[in-house]
């Protein structure tokens, strides 16, 4: 009898121990769910993940790197959104993205474009490693450090080419009429003015090229704008071609100097929350023509769309890229890496969403690959001449200085951005509420 009582007591103890353990685990999970704001189905999915993670940690044939497992899981989570603008930024990529908006970074000095044929060099910045290595416009970059660019989002191409000054990067280049070959370039500190300009003619037509909306772009723009005004500018051509975007706050700051009083852009989140940006400018001081092309994206489309909707400018060129979404760069606890997540869509003053559609120019002008002069700029000059009541130009258009067009990660995937913990649209920046592509100025 005593043995039976003892066994029965032991079974009860074990049962209650198991029950308490289960209850404690459930309580812990419920507490965690409450803290994270998860409902029961979401908690069940989290449990699935935790169970799988633990199984891999315990049973995989070799020792596993826990950090690598979690990073891979976060990367897979972002990829599952099927959104080219939402992605995991590992420590290297996050650092490079932060650097790209400072105006100075380790790079090679090229302006890149993206199309169905892949990645190509638009221009080479004089005095940079790309010029020293012999890269040329129209070269196709088919691989970076042995990794095919065909499998790489454009934004990743840019941040992979960039890196610490003094380090090397290997580009595999396809060039018409030559065999494919590798070029080894040593990165250098590249300082790029993202806004630069000059007087195009003696008739008072000013020209400003904005290659990206970085942290210093508004200051650079205002300086150039004031210099042109002092030189007797009568009208302004603003070149946004191959501009992938940048900080939405920078874009709005420039727009407030060009767009007449009223709305500039509306940023709308999933729950319907709207953030409005507006201009107080009574009237634009100069006639304005804006150049856009298929690589004008994100923040550049916000500016172009606002100027078009308010009839403050005539748009010349080809239909823009069509990125009408806003990304937030959110550092992951630890501050080494981050995620970039689409959090909102933006709308022009007339309520247009250009996402996937782009902005159509008022005057459509193609630029053939074999063109010997800038036909789009020439058309823009003639539109401006009409605005100023001048005779039309028949001579070739002057080519803007390459130094005014710093290398950029072209906009096939780059939105405007802002700083950690603040909504952004491309690389990281300071302030809440919106920014595209990533990134950004040059490679």
Protein backbone atom coordinates (compact mmCIF):
# COMPACT_ATOMS: atom_id res chain seq x y z
CA UNK A 1 0.00 0.00 0.00
CA UNK A 2 2.72 2.43 0.93
CA UNK A 3 4.47 1.80 -2.39
CA UNK A 4 1.22 2.46 -4.30
CA UNK A 5 0.57 5.68 -2.37
CA UNK A 6 4.15 6.79 -3.02
CA UNK A 7 3.88 6.11 -6.76
CA UNK A 8 0.51 7.85 -6.98
CA UNK A 9 1.94 10.85 -5.14
CA UNK A 10 4.96 10.93 -7.45
CA UNK A 11 2.73 10.84 -10.56
CA UNK A 12 0.67 13.72 -9.20
CA UNK A 13 3.82 15.70 -8.52
CA UNK A 14 5.12 15.11 -12.05
CA UNK A 15 1.72 15.98 -13.51
CA UNK A 16 1.47 19.20 -11.56
CA UNK A 17 5.08 20.05 -12.47
CA UNK A 18 4.33 19.61 -16.15
CA UNK A 19 1.09 21.55 -15.82
CA UNK A 20 2.87 24.42 -14.08
CA UNK A 21 5.61 24.44 -16.74
CA UNK A 22 3.01 24.55 -19.53
CA UNK A 23 1.04 27.23 -17.76
CA UNK A 24 4.18 29.29 -17.17
CA UNK A 25 5.20 28.97 -20.82
CA UNK A 26 1.73 30.00 -21.99
CA UNK A 27 1.72 32.90 -19.58
CA UNK A 28 5.12 34.00 -20.82
CA UNK A 29 4.01 33.74 -24.45
CA UNK A 30 0.78 35.61 -23.71
CA UNK A 31 2.74 38.30 -21.91
CA UNK A 32 5.12 38.57 -24.86
CA UNK A 33 2.17 38.71 -27.25
CA UNK A 34 0.61 41.51 -25.21
CA UNK A 35 3.87 43.49 -25.21
CA UNK A 36 4.31 43.05 -28.96
CA UNK A 37 0.64 43.62 -29.71
CA UNK A 38 0.12 40.16 -31.23
CA UNK A 39 -3.20 38.38 -31.48
CA UNK A 40 -3.58 34.61 -31.04
CA UNK A 41 -3.03 33.67 -34.74
CA UNK A 42 0.07 35.87 -34.86
CA UNK A 43 1.34 34.30 -31.65
CA UNK A 44 0.85 30.87 -33.19
CA UNK A 45 2.95 31.91 -36.22
CA UNK A 46 5.68 33.26 -33.95
CA UNK A 47 5.67 29.96 -32.07
CA UNK A 48 6.15 28.13 -35.39
CA UNK A 49 9.19 30.23 -36.12
CA UNK A 50 10.68 29.83 -32.65
CA UNK A 51 10.18 26.06 -32.75
CA UNK A 52 11.85 25.85 -36.17
CA UNK A 53 14.74 28.04 -35.09
CA UNK A 54 15.32 25.94 -31.98
CA UNK A 55 15.17 22.69 -33.96
CA UNK A 56 17.82 23.98 -36.38
CA UNK A 57 20.02 25.19 -33.53
CA UNK A 58 19.87 21.79 -31.81
CA UNK A 59 19.83 19.34 -34.70
CA UNK A 60 21.78 20.83 -37.63
CA UNK A 61 24.80 18.65 -38.41
CA UNK A 62 27.33 21.45 -37.78
CA UNK A 63 27.54 24.29 -35.28
CA UNK A 64 25.35 27.18 -36.36
CA UNK A 65 25.87 30.93 -36.12
CA UNK A 66 22.83 32.26 -34.28
CA UNK A 67 23.30 35.81 -35.60
CA UNK A 68 23.54 34.56 -39.18
CA UNK A 69 20.35 32.53 -38.70
CA UNK A 70 18.41 35.55 -37.43
CA UNK A 71 19.80 37.84 -40.14
CA UNK A 72 18.77 35.32 -42.77
CA UNK A 73 15.30 35.08 -41.25
CA UNK A 74 14.89 38.87 -41.29
CA UNK A 75 16.12 39.03 -44.88
CA UNK A 76 13.65 36.32 -45.89
CA UNK A 77 10.85 38.18 -44.09
CA UNK A 78 11.54 41.32 -46.13
CA UNK A 79 11.80 39.38 -49.41
CA UNK A 80 8.43 37.74 -48.72
CA UNK A 81 6.79 41.19 -49.12
CA UNK A 82 7.63 41.01 -52.84
CA UNK A 83 8.45 44.72 -52.74
CA UNK A 84 11.75 45.82 -54.35
CA UNK A 85 11.91 48.83 -52.02
CA UNK A 86 11.55 46.87 -48.77
CA UNK A 87 14.70 45.02 -47.79
CA UNK A 88 17.10 44.01 -45.04
CA UNK A 89 20.22 46.15 -44.77
CA UNK A 90 23.12 44.19 -43.34
CA UNK A 91 25.74 46.20 -41.41
CA UNK A 92 27.86 46.90 -44.52
CA UNK A 93 24.90 47.94 -46.65
CA UNK A 94 23.42 50.04 -43.85
CA UNK A 95 26.74 51.87 -43.35
CA UNK A 96 27.09 52.52 -47.06
CA UNK A 97 23.54 53.79 -47.25
CA UNK A 98 24.23 56.20 -44.41
CA UNK A 99 27.40 57.38 -46.14
CA UNK A 100 25.75 57.97 -49.48
CA UNK A 101 23.64 60.88 -48.23
CA UNK A 102 26.55 62.73 -46.66
CA UNK A 103 27.89 63.90 -50.03
CA UNK A 104 31.26 62.19 -49.43
CA UNK A 105 31.94 58.47 -49.56
CA UNK A 106 34.28 55.82 -50.82
CA UNK A 107 33.43 55.14 -54.44
CA UNK A 108 34.79 54.99 -57.98
CA UNK A 109 33.20 58.04 -59.63
CA UNK A 110 30.58 56.89 -62.13
CA UNK A 111 26.99 57.77 -62.88
CA UNK A 112 25.02 54.57 -63.47
CA UNK A 113 21.75 53.85 -65.22
CA UNK A 114 19.47 50.83 -65.08
CA UNK A 115 17.34 49.41 -67.86
CA UNK A 116 16.12 46.08 -69.20
CA UNK A 117 19.63 45.41 -70.42
CA UNK A 118 21.11 45.73 -66.96
CA UNK A 119 23.48 48.29 -65.47
CA UNK A 120 25.36 50.75 -67.65
CA UNK A 121 27.70 53.68 -67.14
CA UNK A 122 26.06 57.00 -68.00
CA UNK A 123 29.10 59.16 -67.33
CA UNK A 124 32.54 59.05 -65.73
CA UNK A 125 33.50 61.79 -63.27
CA UNK A 126 36.86 63.34 -64.13
CA UNK A 127 39.70 62.78 -61.69
CA UNK A 128 38.17 59.68 -60.09
CA UNK A 129 39.21 55.99 -60.01
CA UNK A 130 36.76 55.15 -62.81
CA UNK A 131 38.50 57.58 -65.18
CA UNK A 132 41.93 56.29 -64.16
CA UNK A 133 40.83 52.69 -64.81
CA UNK A 134 39.56 53.57 -68.27
CA UNK A 135 35.82 53.09 -67.80
CA UNK A 136 33.69 54.74 -70.49
CA UNK A 137 30.08 55.85 -70.93
CA UNK A 138 27.89 53.00 -72.29
CA UNK A 139 30.04 50.33 -70.59
CA UNK A 140 27.83 47.62 -69.13
CA UNK A 141 28.57 46.44 -65.58
CA UNK A 142 27.69 42.75 -65.65
CA UNK A 143 29.21 41.77 -62.28
CA UNK A 144 30.58 43.34 -59.10
CA UNK A 145 33.18 41.31 -57.21
CA UNK A 146 32.12 38.28 -59.21
CA UNK A 147 28.41 38.60 -58.37
CA UNK A 148 26.13 39.05 -61.38
CA UNK A 149 24.29 42.36 -61.43
CA UNK A 150 21.42 40.60 -63.19
CA UNK A 151 20.45 39.08 -59.83
CA UNK A 152 21.10 42.25 -57.86
CA UNK A 153 18.58 45.03 -57.15
CA UNK A 154 19.92 48.35 -58.51
CA UNK A 155 20.23 49.80 -55.03
CA UNK A 156 22.42 46.86 -54.03
CA UNK A 157 24.62 47.42 -57.07
CA UNK A 158 25.29 50.97 -55.89
CA UNK A 159 26.07 50.11 -52.27
CA UNK A 160 28.24 47.14 -53.33
CA UNK A 161 30.37 49.34 -55.56
CA UNK A 162 30.79 51.87 -52.78
CA UNK A 163 33.01 51.10 -49.83
CA UNK A 164 35.84 52.33 -47.66
CA UNK A 165 38.42 54.46 -49.45
CA UNK A 166 41.54 52.44 -50.22
CA UNK A 167 39.71 49.15 -50.67
CA UNK A 168 39.32 47.44 -54.03
CA UNK A 169 36.26 46.52 -56.07
CA UNK A 170 36.27 44.39 -59.23
CA UNK A 171 33.86 45.30 -62.03
CA UNK A 172 33.22 42.95 -64.94
CA UNK A 173 32.60 45.13 -67.99
CA UNK A 174 30.97 44.43 -71.35
CA UNK A 175 32.01 46.94 -74.00
CA UNK A 176 30.79 46.98 -77.57
CA UNK A 177 33.40 45.55 -79.92
CA UNK A 178 35.62 44.19 -77.14
CA UNK A 179 35.84 41.04 -75.07
CA UNK A 180 34.38 41.04 -71.56
CA UNK A 181 37.05 41.87 -68.97
CA UNK A 182 37.53 42.64 -65.28
CA UNK A 183 38.62 46.04 -64.01
CA UNK A 184 40.08 46.35 -60.52
CA UNK A 185 39.50 49.81 -59.06
CA UNK A 186 40.69 51.24 -55.75
CA UNK A 187 37.92 53.22 -54.11
CA UNK A 188 38.62 56.81 -53.16
CA UNK A 189 36.78 59.51 -51.24
CA UNK A 190 34.36 61.00 -53.73
CA UNK A 191 32.86 64.35 -52.88
CA UNK A 192 29.91 65.18 -55.06
CA UNK A 193 27.96 68.39 -55.24
CA UNK A 194 24.45 67.10 -55.89
CA UNK A 195 23.30 70.49 -57.21
CA UNK A 196 25.40 72.53 -59.63
CA UNK A 197 24.71 74.83 -62.54
CA UNK A 198 25.71 77.63 -64.89
CA UNK A 199 24.34 80.09 -67.45
CA UNK A 200 23.73 78.27 -70.71
CA UNK A 201 23.57 81.30 -73.00
CA UNK A 202 24.01 85.04 -72.97
CA UNK A 203 20.24 85.40 -73.10
CA UNK A 204 19.80 84.75 -69.38
CA UNK A 205 18.81 81.05 -69.38
CA UNK A 206 20.13 79.42 -66.22
CA UNK A 207 20.68 75.69 -65.77
CA UNK A 208 20.80 73.68 -62.53
CA UNK A 209 21.34 69.94 -62.43
CA UNK A 210 20.18 68.06 -59.29
CA UNK A 211 21.60 64.54 -59.29
CA UNK A 212 20.03 63.43 -55.99
CA UNK A 213 18.29 64.87 -52.93
CA UNK A 214 20.98 64.40 -50.28
CA UNK A 215 21.44 66.16 -46.95
CA UNK A 216 23.27 69.17 -48.43
CA UNK A 217 21.40 69.43 -51.73
CA UNK A 218 19.03 72.24 -50.69
CA UNK A 219 21.97 74.39 -49.56
CA UNK A 220 23.88 73.67 -52.78
CA UNK A 221 20.78 74.44 -54.84
CA UNK A 222 20.14 77.76 -53.11
CA UNK A 223 23.77 78.83 -53.52
CA UNK A 224 23.74 78.05 -57.24
CA UNK A 225 20.30 79.62 -57.67
CA UNK A 226 21.42 82.85 -55.99
CA UNK A 227 24.57 82.99 -58.12
CA UNK A 228 22.54 82.62 -61.33
CA UNK A 229 20.06 85.25 -60.16
CA UNK A 230 22.91 87.67 -59.47
CA UNK A 231 24.30 86.96 -62.95
CA UNK A 232 21.04 88.12 -64.54
CA UNK A 233 19.08 84.88 -64.91
CA UNK A 234 15.73 85.36 -66.67
CA UNK A 235 14.56 81.75 -66.74
CA UNK A 236 15.67 78.43 -65.21
CA UNK A 237 16.05 74.93 -66.66
CA UNK A 238 16.05 72.35 -63.85
CA UNK A 239 17.55 69.00 -64.85
CA UNK A 240 16.23 66.02 -62.86
CA UNK A 241 17.24 63.32 -65.33
CA UNK A 242 18.82 60.19 -63.82
CA UNK A 243 17.94 61.51 -60.36
CA UNK A 244 16.94 58.52 -58.20
CA UNK A 245 15.47 60.59 -55.39
CA UNK A 246 16.64 61.06 -51.82
CA UNK A 247 15.33 62.76 -48.71
CA UNK A 248 11.76 63.90 -49.08
CA UNK A 249 12.51 66.73 -46.65
CA UNK A 250 15.25 68.02 -48.96
CA UNK A 251 12.90 67.74 -51.92
CA UNK A 252 10.21 69.73 -50.10
CA UNK A 253 12.72 72.39 -49.04
CA UNK A 254 13.68 72.97 -52.68
CA UNK A 255 10.05 72.77 -53.84
CA UNK A 256 9.12 75.54 -51.42
CA UNK A 257 11.40 77.83 -53.45
CA UNK A 258 9.84 76.92 -56.79
CA UNK A 259 6.23 75.72 -56.32
CA UNK A 260 3.56 78.42 -55.88
CA UNK A 261 1.56 78.65 -52.65
CA UNK A 262 -0.38 75.47 -51.92
CA UNK A 263 0.21 71.71 -51.58
CA UNK A 264 3.45 70.08 -52.72
CA UNK A 265 2.88 66.44 -51.79
CA UNK A 266 0.63 64.31 -49.57
CA UNK A 267 2.04 61.22 -47.85
CA UNK A 268 -0.68 58.67 -46.99
CA UNK A 269 -0.16 55.65 -44.72
CA UNK A 270 -2.10 52.38 -44.60
CA UNK A 271 -4.49 53.61 -41.90
CA UNK A 272 -5.33 56.73 -43.91
CA UNK A 273 -3.12 59.07 -41.91
CA UNK A 274 -2.06 61.94 -44.15
CA UNK A 275 0.96 64.18 -43.92
CA UNK A 276 0.75 67.30 -46.06
CA UNK A 277 3.71 69.37 -47.25
CA UNK A 278 2.94 72.81 -48.64
CA UNK A 279 4.58 75.90 -50.13
CA UNK A 280 4.08 79.51 -49.05
CA UNK A 281 5.70 81.01 -52.14
CA UNK A 282 3.37 83.67 -53.54
CA UNK A 283 4.66 83.38 -57.10
CA UNK A 284 7.69 81.71 -58.75
CA UNK A 285 10.17 84.47 -59.67
CA UNK A 286 11.32 82.91 -62.94
CA UNK A 287 9.83 80.88 -65.81
CA UNK A 288 10.80 77.25 -65.29
CA UNK A 289 11.41 74.20 -67.51
CA UNK A 290 12.12 70.78 -65.97
CA UNK A 291 13.95 67.90 -67.66
CA UNK A 292 12.92 64.34 -66.68
CA UNK A 293 13.56 60.86 -68.03
CA UNK A 294 12.89 57.21 -67.21
CA UNK A 295 15.52 57.33 -64.47
CA UNK A 296 13.92 60.27 -62.64
CA UNK A 297 12.39 58.64 -59.59
CA UNK A 298 10.84 59.16 -56.19
CA UNK A 299 11.71 62.57 -54.74
CA UNK A 300 12.53 63.93 -58.20
CA UNK A 301 9.04 62.87 -59.28
CA UNK A 302 7.54 64.63 -56.26
CA UNK A 303 9.16 67.89 -57.34
CA UNK A 304 8.36 67.43 -61.03
CA UNK A 305 4.76 66.42 -60.26
CA UNK A 306 4.18 69.42 -58.00
CA UNK A 307 5.56 71.82 -60.60
CA UNK A 308 3.44 70.23 -63.33
CA UNK A 309 0.20 70.16 -61.31
CA UNK A 310 0.57 73.82 -60.31
CA UNK A 311 1.48 74.88 -63.86
CA UNK A 312 4.69 76.38 -62.51
CA UNK A 313 6.88 74.59 -65.05
CA UNK A 314 6.86 72.83 -68.40
CA UNK A 315 8.20 69.27 -68.25
CA UNK A 316 10.41 68.10 -71.14
CA UNK A 317 11.85 64.63 -71.81
CA UNK A 318 10.42 61.14 -71.32
CA UNK A 319 8.05 59.53 -68.82
CA UNK A 320 9.63 59.23 -65.36
CA UNK A 321 10.32 56.01 -63.47
CA UNK A 322 7.10 55.79 -61.46
CA UNK A 323 8.06 55.31 -57.82
CA UNK A 324 5.30 56.73 -55.68
CA UNK A 325 6.01 55.06 -52.36
CA UNK A 326 7.75 56.13 -49.17
CA UNK A 327 10.22 54.03 -47.19
CA UNK A 328 11.26 54.13 -43.56
CA UNK A 329 14.76 53.07 -42.60
CA UNK A 330 14.39 51.47 -39.17
CA UNK A 331 17.53 50.44 -37.28
CA UNK A 332 17.31 47.01 -35.64
CA UNK A 333 18.14 46.96 -31.91
CA UNK A 334 21.90 47.11 -31.72
CA UNK A 335 22.06 49.86 -34.38
CA UNK A 336 24.37 47.84 -36.68
CA UNK A 337 21.82 46.82 -39.27
CA UNK A 338 18.37 47.98 -40.33
CA UNK A 339 15.36 47.31 -42.49
CA UNK A 340 13.96 49.58 -45.15
CA UNK A 341 10.18 49.27 -45.29
CA UNK A 342 7.57 50.85 -47.52
CA UNK A 343 5.23 52.67 -45.15
CA UNK A 344 3.22 55.05 -47.32
CA UNK A 345 2.31 56.28 -50.79
CA UNK A 346 2.57 59.84 -51.94
CA UNK A 347 0.24 61.92 -54.09
CA UNK A 348 0.84 65.05 -56.16
CA UNK A 349 -1.12 68.30 -55.50
CA UNK A 350 -3.87 67.11 -57.87
CA UNK A 351 -4.16 63.79 -56.04
CA UNK A 352 -2.26 61.73 -58.60
CA UNK A 353 -0.46 58.55 -57.58
CA UNK A 354 2.38 58.00 -60.02
CA UNK A 355 3.42 54.62 -58.60
CA UNK A 356 4.10 52.25 -61.49
CA UNK A 357 2.93 54.89 -63.96
CA UNK A 358 5.37 57.77 -63.83
CA UNK A 359 4.92 61.38 -64.85
CA UNK A 360 4.42 62.15 -68.52
CA UNK A 361 6.28 65.22 -69.77
CA UNK A 362 4.38 68.11 -71.36
CA UNK A 363 6.84 68.00 -74.27
CA UNK A 364 7.99 64.46 -75.12
CA UNK A 365 11.55 64.24 -76.44
CA UNK A 366 13.54 61.01 -76.72
CA UNK A 367 17.31 60.94 -76.43
CA UNK A 368 18.68 58.32 -78.87
CA UNK A 369 21.68 56.32 -77.68
CA UNK A 370 23.67 57.45 -80.72
CA UNK A 371 22.76 61.13 -80.29
CA UNK A 372 25.70 63.50 -80.78
CA UNK A 373 24.02 66.35 -78.89
CA UNK A 374 21.62 66.65 -75.97
CA UNK A 375 18.33 66.88 -77.86
CA UNK A 376 16.29 67.04 -74.66
CA UNK A 377 18.25 69.98 -73.32
CA UNK A 378 17.99 71.68 -76.71
CA UNK A 379 14.20 71.22 -76.63
CA UNK A 380 14.08 72.59 -73.08
CA UNK A 381 16.05 75.65 -74.18
CA UNK A 382 13.61 76.28 -77.01
CA UNK A 383 10.63 75.97 -74.64
CA UNK A 384 12.32 78.50 -72.37
CA UNK A 385 13.04 80.82 -75.32
CA UNK A 386 9.34 80.77 -76.16
CA UNK A 387 8.49 81.64 -72.56
CA UNK A 388 10.93 84.55 -72.72
CA UNK A 389 9.76 85.68 -76.16
CA UNK A 390 13.11 84.90 -77.80
CA UNK A 391 13.87 83.31 -81.17
CA UNK A 392 14.31 79.53 -81.20
CA UNK A 393 17.78 78.00 -81.08
CA UNK A 394 18.91 75.89 -84.03
CA UNK A 395 22.52 75.26 -82.97
CA UNK A 396 23.52 72.24 -80.93
CA UNK A 397 22.75 72.45 -77.22
CA UNK A 398 25.72 72.91 -74.94
CA UNK A 399 26.52 69.80 -72.94
CA UNK A 400 26.39 70.32 -69.18
CA UNK A 401 29.67 69.72 -67.38
CA UNK A 402 30.01 66.12 -66.16
CA UNK A 403 30.99 67.42 -62.76
CA UNK A 404 27.46 68.73 -62.44
CA UNK A 405 26.13 65.22 -62.80
CA UNK A 406 27.67 63.14 -60.01
CA UNK A 407 27.43 59.42 -60.19
CA UNK A 408 24.14 58.13 -58.96
CA UNK A 409 22.65 54.76 -58.28
CA UNK A 410 20.04 55.46 -60.84
CA UNK A 411 16.54 54.97 -59.81
CA UNK A 412 15.50 51.58 -60.77
CA UNK A 413 14.91 50.86 -57.16
CA UNK A 414 15.80 53.70 -55.09
CA UNK A 415 13.31 55.69 -53.14
CA UNK A 416 13.84 58.73 -51.02
CA UNK A 417 15.03 58.28 -47.46
CA UNK A 418 15.48 59.70 -44.03
CA UNK A 419 17.31 58.99 -40.86
CA UNK A 420 16.98 56.14 -38.52
CA UNK A 421 13.65 56.02 -36.82
CA UNK A 422 12.21 58.56 -39.19
CA UNK A 423 10.26 57.93 -42.32
CA UNK A 424 12.36 58.14 -45.35
CA UNK A 425 12.32 57.70 -49.07
CA UNK A 426 15.71 56.62 -50.02
CA UNK A 427 18.81 56.69 -47.84
CA UNK A 428 18.77 57.65 -44.14
CA UNK A 429 18.18 61.24 -42.97
CA UNK A 430 16.77 63.42 -40.24
CA UNK A 431 13.15 64.13 -39.65
CA UNK A 432 9.92 62.35 -39.56
CA UNK A 433 7.66 61.42 -42.26
CA UNK A 434 9.05 60.41 -45.55
CA UNK A 435 11.86 59.80 -47.93
CA UNK A 436 12.36 57.46 -51.27
CA UNK A 437 15.70 56.40 -53.32
CA UNK A 438 17.53 54.90 -51.63
CA UNK A 439 19.58 55.99 -52.49
CA UNK A 440 21.42 58.72 -53.87
CA UNK A 441 24.43 60.30 -55.31
CA UNK A 442 27.37 58.42 -56.78
CA UNK A 443 29.31 55.22 -56.90
